[in-house]
Amino acid sequence: MDIYLEKVDPESDCFRYYSIRTTSDLFEDGAVMVQWGRIGRRGRVAIRGSGSVARCEELGRKILSLRLKHGYRLRRK
C-alpha cells in the first residue's frame, strides 16, 4: 500500500498532505509508516503499527478511512 492524500483549502490557508505506506520492518513483518505536513515541506514521519502484512494492510485502510472523513482526497505523487 502506498497512498498519498492532500487537503487543500486556500480560504483557510490549509495545504496539507498525508502519506500512508506499508513496508517491511527489520524482522520481515509488516509496518505502517505515515508521513504528514504542509505541502512542499518534509513534514513528520511515524510508524503507526507493525505485525503481519494483513494486519498492517487493515490498519492502513482504517487510517485512510479516517483521513478521508477529515477532508483529505486521494492524489498521485
Protein backbone atom coordinates (compact mmCIF):
# COMPACT_ATOMS: atom_id res chain seq x y z
CA MET A 1 0.00 0.00 0.00
CA ASP A 2 1.36 3.40 -0.98
CA ILE A 3 -1.28 6.13 -0.69
CA TYR A 4 -0.88 9.90 -0.98
CA LEU A 5 -3.63 12.28 0.18
CA GLU A 6 -4.00 16.06 0.07
CA LYS A 7 -6.28 18.55 1.76
CA VAL A 8 -6.33 21.96 0.06
CA ASP A 9 -8.50 24.87 1.22
CA PRO A 10 -6.99 28.25 0.24
CA GLU A 11 -9.62 30.19 2.20
CA SER A 12 -8.40 28.72 5.49
CA ASP A 13 -4.72 28.55 4.39
CA CYS A 14 -4.84 24.74 4.58
CA PHE A 15 -2.36 22.98 2.27
CA ARG A 16 -1.74 19.58 3.87
CA TYR A 17 -0.62 16.14 2.74
CA TYR A 18 -0.76 12.71 4.32
CA SER A 19 1.06 9.61 3.08
CA ILE A 20 0.37 6.01 4.16
CA ARG A 21 2.85 3.24 3.31
CA THR A 22 3.10 -0.38 4.32
CA THR A 23 6.69 -1.60 4.36
CA SER A 24 8.62 -4.46 5.85
CA ASP A 25 10.46 -3.99 9.12
CA LEU A 26 13.75 -5.49 10.30
CA PHE A 27 12.11 -8.82 11.07
CA GLU A 28 10.41 -9.16 7.65
CA ASP A 29 6.98 -8.43 9.13
CA GLY A 30 4.87 -5.50 8.03
CA ALA A 31 4.93 -1.93 9.30
CA VAL A 32 2.64 1.05 8.63
CA MET A 33 4.57 4.27 8.08
CA VAL A 34 2.75 7.60 7.86
CA GLN A 35 4.07 11.00 6.86
CA TRP A 36 2.17 14.28 7.11
CA GLY A 37 2.69 18.00 6.94
CA ARG A 38 2.32 21.10 4.77
CA ILE A 39 2.58 20.54 1.01
CA GLY A 40 6.09 21.36 -0.17
CA ARG A 41 7.66 20.63 3.20
CA ARG A 42 9.24 17.46 4.57
CA GLY A 43 6.73 17.03 7.39
CA ARG A 44 6.75 14.44 10.13
CA VAL A 45 7.10 10.65 9.95
CA ALA A 46 5.85 7.96 12.34
CA ILE A 47 5.40 4.20 12.47
CA ARG A 48 1.75 3.58 13.38
CA GLY A 49 1.81 -0.19 13.70
CA SER A 50 3.60 -3.41 12.91
CA GLY A 51 2.87 -7.10 12.70
CA SER A 52 1.66 -9.32 9.92
CA VAL A 53 1.26 -7.87 6.46
CA ALA A 54 -2.51 -8.48 6.59
CA ARG A 55 -2.80 -6.62 9.91
CA CYS A 56 -0.80 -3.70 8.52
CA GLU A 57 -2.97 -3.51 5.41
CA GLU A 58 -6.08 -3.42 7.64
CA LEU A 59 -4.59 -0.65 9.79
CA GLY A 60 -3.65 1.29 6.64
CA ARG A 61 -7.26 1.07 5.41
CA LYS A 62 -8.54 2.34 8.78
CA ILE A 63 -6.15 5.31 8.69
CA LEU A 64 -7.20 6.02 5.09
CA SER A 65 -10.89 6.00 6.06
CA LEU A 66 -10.24 8.40 8.91
CA ARG A 67 -8.25 10.82 6.72
CA LEU A 68 -10.99 10.79 4.06
CA LYS A 69 -13.54 11.71 6.75
CA HIS A 70 -11.33 14.68 7.67
CA GLY A 71 -11.47 16.12 4.16
CA TYR A 72 -8.36 14.63 2.55
CA ARG A 73 -8.58 13.46 -1.08
CA LEU A 74 -6.55 10.85 -2.94
CA ARG A 75 -3.82 12.29 -5.19
CA ARG A 76 -1.00 10.95 -7.31
CA LYS A 77 2.53 11.99 -6.40
